[in-house]
Protein backbone atom coordinates (compact mmCIF):
# COMPACT_ATOMS: atom_id res chain seq x y z
CA MET A 1 -23.71 173.99 19.15
CA ILE A 2 -24.52 171.41 16.47
CA ASP A 3 -20.90 170.21 16.63
CA LEU A 4 -21.39 169.55 20.33
CA LEU A 5 -24.51 167.50 19.65
CA THR A 6 -22.99 165.48 16.79
CA GLY A 7 -19.55 165.15 18.32
CA GLY A 8 -17.85 167.13 15.51
CA ALA A 9 -19.00 164.70 12.81
CA LEU A 10 -21.26 167.22 11.08
CA GLY A 11 -18.44 169.78 10.85
CA ALA A 12 -16.14 167.16 9.33
CA ILE A 13 -18.83 166.19 6.80
CA ILE A 14 -19.41 169.82 5.81
CA LYS A 15 -15.67 170.46 5.52
CA GLY A 16 -15.27 167.29 3.39
CA ALA A 17 -18.15 168.30 1.12
CA GLY A 18 -16.64 171.76 0.72
CA THR A 19 -13.30 170.23 -0.27
CA ILE A 20 -14.98 167.97 -2.85
CA ILE A 21 -16.94 170.88 -4.34
CA ASP A 22 -13.77 173.00 -4.46
CA ASP A 23 -11.93 170.17 -6.23
CA LEU A 24 -14.74 169.80 -8.78
CA HIS A 25 -15.08 173.51 -9.48
CA THR A 26 -12.27 175.05 -11.52
CA SER A 27 -12.00 178.81 -11.67
CA GLU A 28 -11.34 180.66 -14.92
CA HIS A 29 -7.79 181.43 -13.78
CA GLU A 30 -7.12 177.75 -13.04
CA ARG A 31 -8.54 176.74 -16.44
CA MET A 32 -6.30 179.23 -18.23
CA GLN A 33 -3.28 178.01 -16.26
CA ILE A 34 -4.03 174.38 -17.20
CA GLU A 35 -4.49 175.33 -20.87
CA LEU A 36 -1.20 177.22 -20.84
CA GLU A 37 0.59 174.20 -19.35
CA GLU A 38 -0.98 171.91 -21.99
CA GLN A 39 0.17 174.22 -24.79
CA TYR A 40 3.67 174.29 -23.33
CA LEU A 41 3.76 170.48 -23.18
CA ASP A 42 2.46 170.23 -26.77
CA GLY A 43 5.20 172.61 -27.89
CA GLN A 44 7.83 170.55 -26.08
CA LEU A 45 6.51 167.38 -27.74
CA ALA A 46 6.57 169.00 -31.20
CA ALA A 47 10.11 170.29 -30.62
CA GLY A 48 11.24 166.82 -29.60
CA GLN A 49 9.66 165.30 -32.71
CA MET A 50 11.33 167.90 -34.95
CA GLU A 51 14.68 167.10 -33.36
CA THR A 52 14.10 163.39 -33.96
CA ASN A 53 13.14 164.08 -37.59
CA ALA A 54 16.29 166.16 -38.10
CA VAL A 55 18.49 163.39 -36.70
CA GLU A 56 16.75 160.79 -38.88
CA ALA A 57 17.11 162.92 -42.00
CA THR A 58 20.87 163.36 -41.52
CA HIS A 59 21.52 159.68 -40.84
CA ARG A 60 23.67 157.87 -43.42
CA SER A 61 21.68 154.63 -43.32
CA VAL A 62 18.95 154.22 -45.92
CA PHE A 63 16.92 152.25 -43.37
CA VAL A 64 16.69 155.32 -41.14
CA ALA A 65 16.69 158.26 -43.55
CA GLY A 66 15.12 156.45 -46.49
CA TRP A 67 11.78 155.45 -45.02
CA ARG A 68 9.99 158.63 -46.13
CA PRO A 69 10.98 158.27 -49.79
CA PHE A 70 10.06 154.58 -49.60
CA ILE A 71 6.57 155.41 -48.30
CA GLY A 72 6.25 158.04 -51.04
CA TRP A 73 7.14 155.53 -53.75
CA VAL A 74 4.79 152.90 -52.33
CA CYS A 75 1.91 155.40 -52.23
CA GLY A 76 2.72 156.63 -55.73
CA LEU A 77 2.80 153.10 -57.13
CA ALA A 78 -0.42 152.19 -55.33
CA LEU A 79 -2.22 155.25 -56.72
CA GLY A 80 -0.80 154.55 -60.17
CA TYR A 81 -2.20 151.02 -60.00
CA LYS A 82 -5.55 152.23 -58.62
CA PHE A 83 -6.23 154.99 -61.16
CA LEU A 84 -4.16 154.02 -64.21
CA GLY A 85 -3.18 150.38 -64.11
CA TYR A 86 -6.35 148.81 -62.76
CA PRO A 87 -8.79 150.32 -65.31
CA VAL A 88 -6.52 149.23 -68.18
CA LEU A 89 -6.08 145.81 -66.54
CA VAL A 90 -9.86 145.33 -66.23
CA TRP A 91 -10.34 146.37 -69.85
CA GLY A 92 -7.62 143.95 -70.98
CA TRP A 93 -8.97 141.20 -68.73
CA THR A 94 -12.47 141.57 -70.20
CA LEU A 95 -11.06 141.59 -73.72
CA ALA A 96 -8.97 138.48 -72.98
CA GLN A 97 -12.01 136.68 -71.52
CA SER A 98 -14.12 137.56 -74.55
CA HIS A 99 -11.49 135.99 -76.85
CA GLY A 100 -11.19 132.92 -74.63
CA TRP A 101 -7.59 133.62 -73.57
CA VAL A 102 -8.61 133.88 -69.92
CA PRO A 103 -11.23 131.46 -68.50
CA MET A 104 -14.56 133.11 -67.73
CA TYR A 105 -14.66 131.73 -64.18
CA LEU A 106 -11.57 133.74 -63.19
CA GLU A 107 -12.32 137.05 -61.55
CA THR A 108 -10.49 140.26 -62.33
CA PRO A 109 -7.46 141.09 -60.17
CA PRO A 110 -8.22 142.93 -56.93
CA ASN A 111 -8.76 146.64 -56.74
CA LEU A 112 -7.06 148.69 -54.02
CA ASP A 113 -9.06 150.60 -51.43
CA ALA A 114 -7.49 154.03 -51.79
CA ALA A 115 -9.29 155.38 -48.72
CA ASP A 116 -6.57 153.81 -46.58
CA LEU A 117 -3.86 155.54 -48.62
CA TYR A 118 -5.18 159.09 -48.47
CA PRO A 119 -4.08 159.92 -44.89
CA VAL A 120 -0.56 158.68 -45.68
CA ILE A 121 -0.46 160.63 -48.93
CA MET A 122 -1.69 163.81 -47.26
CA GLY A 123 1.06 163.43 -44.69
CA MET A 124 3.63 162.91 -47.43
CA LEU A 125 2.37 165.97 -49.30
CA GLY A 126 2.79 167.94 -46.09
CA LEU A 127 6.41 166.77 -45.91
CA GLY A 128 6.82 167.73 -49.57
CA THR A 129 5.58 171.21 -48.78
CA MET A 130 8.05 171.39 -45.93
CA ARG A 131 10.86 170.42 -48.33
CA THR A 132 9.72 173.12 -50.76
CA VAL A 133 9.88 175.73 -48.01
CA GLU A 134 13.40 174.49 -47.12
CA GLY A 135 14.37 174.89 -50.77
CA LEU A 136 13.02 178.42 -50.91
CA GLN A 137 14.99 179.28 -47.77
CA GLY A 138 18.16 177.78 -49.26
CA LYS A 139 18.37 175.02 -46.65
CA LYS A 140 17.38 172.05 -48.83
CA THR A 141 19.82 169.16 -49.09
CA ASN A 142 19.78 166.42 -51.69
CA SER A 143 21.56 163.64 -49.83
CA LEU A 144 21.13 161.47 -46.79
CA GLY A 145 24.28 162.89 -45.22
CA GLY A 146 23.11 166.51 -45.37
CA ALA A 147 25.64 167.80 -47.91
CA LYS A 148 24.55 169.09 -51.31
CA LYS A 149 25.33 166.80 -54.25
CA LYS A 150 26.43 167.97 -57.65
CA GLY A 151 25.43 164.79 -59.54
CA ARG A 152 22.06 163.12 -59.88
CA GLY A 153 22.95 160.09 -57.79
CA PHE A 154 23.46 156.42 -58.44
CA LEU A 155 20.27 155.80 -60.41
CA PHE A 156 20.73 158.27 -63.26
CA GLY A 157 24.48 158.79 -63.37
CA LYS A 158 26.27 162.10 -63.26
CA ARG A 159 25.11 165.28 -64.94
CA LYS A 160 27.04 166.46 -67.91
């Protein structure tokens, strides 16, 4: 009867409001289905990243496979400077200024903000743990090409 009086507009409004409310309300089953799909997509993303990491690690070029060791050395040198080198440098700088070897108006060399390094180092330690697990499983390789080496490499010469 109301539809006859309003020309069907009220029914369309009620139907539209019902559709909007249904779209806004998500049932528990729908939520679980969405969560399951998100977990599946996360797993696919992680699998793709692991595949990319494996391809990078077996690459012969140092510019592809050598970036992780490079970052490790940079972080190690930066922490060495921050906690070992810098305190000794400041002590030596102060001593040199007191003897007049360094002008008093010169400031000490800059200190590094290690807070920026910690996330990178934690990530590298995670990779180190992963390498340890590979070693325990007998899957660890010592070369960029994936084959096990018998010598120590080009820096230290061959083992005797």
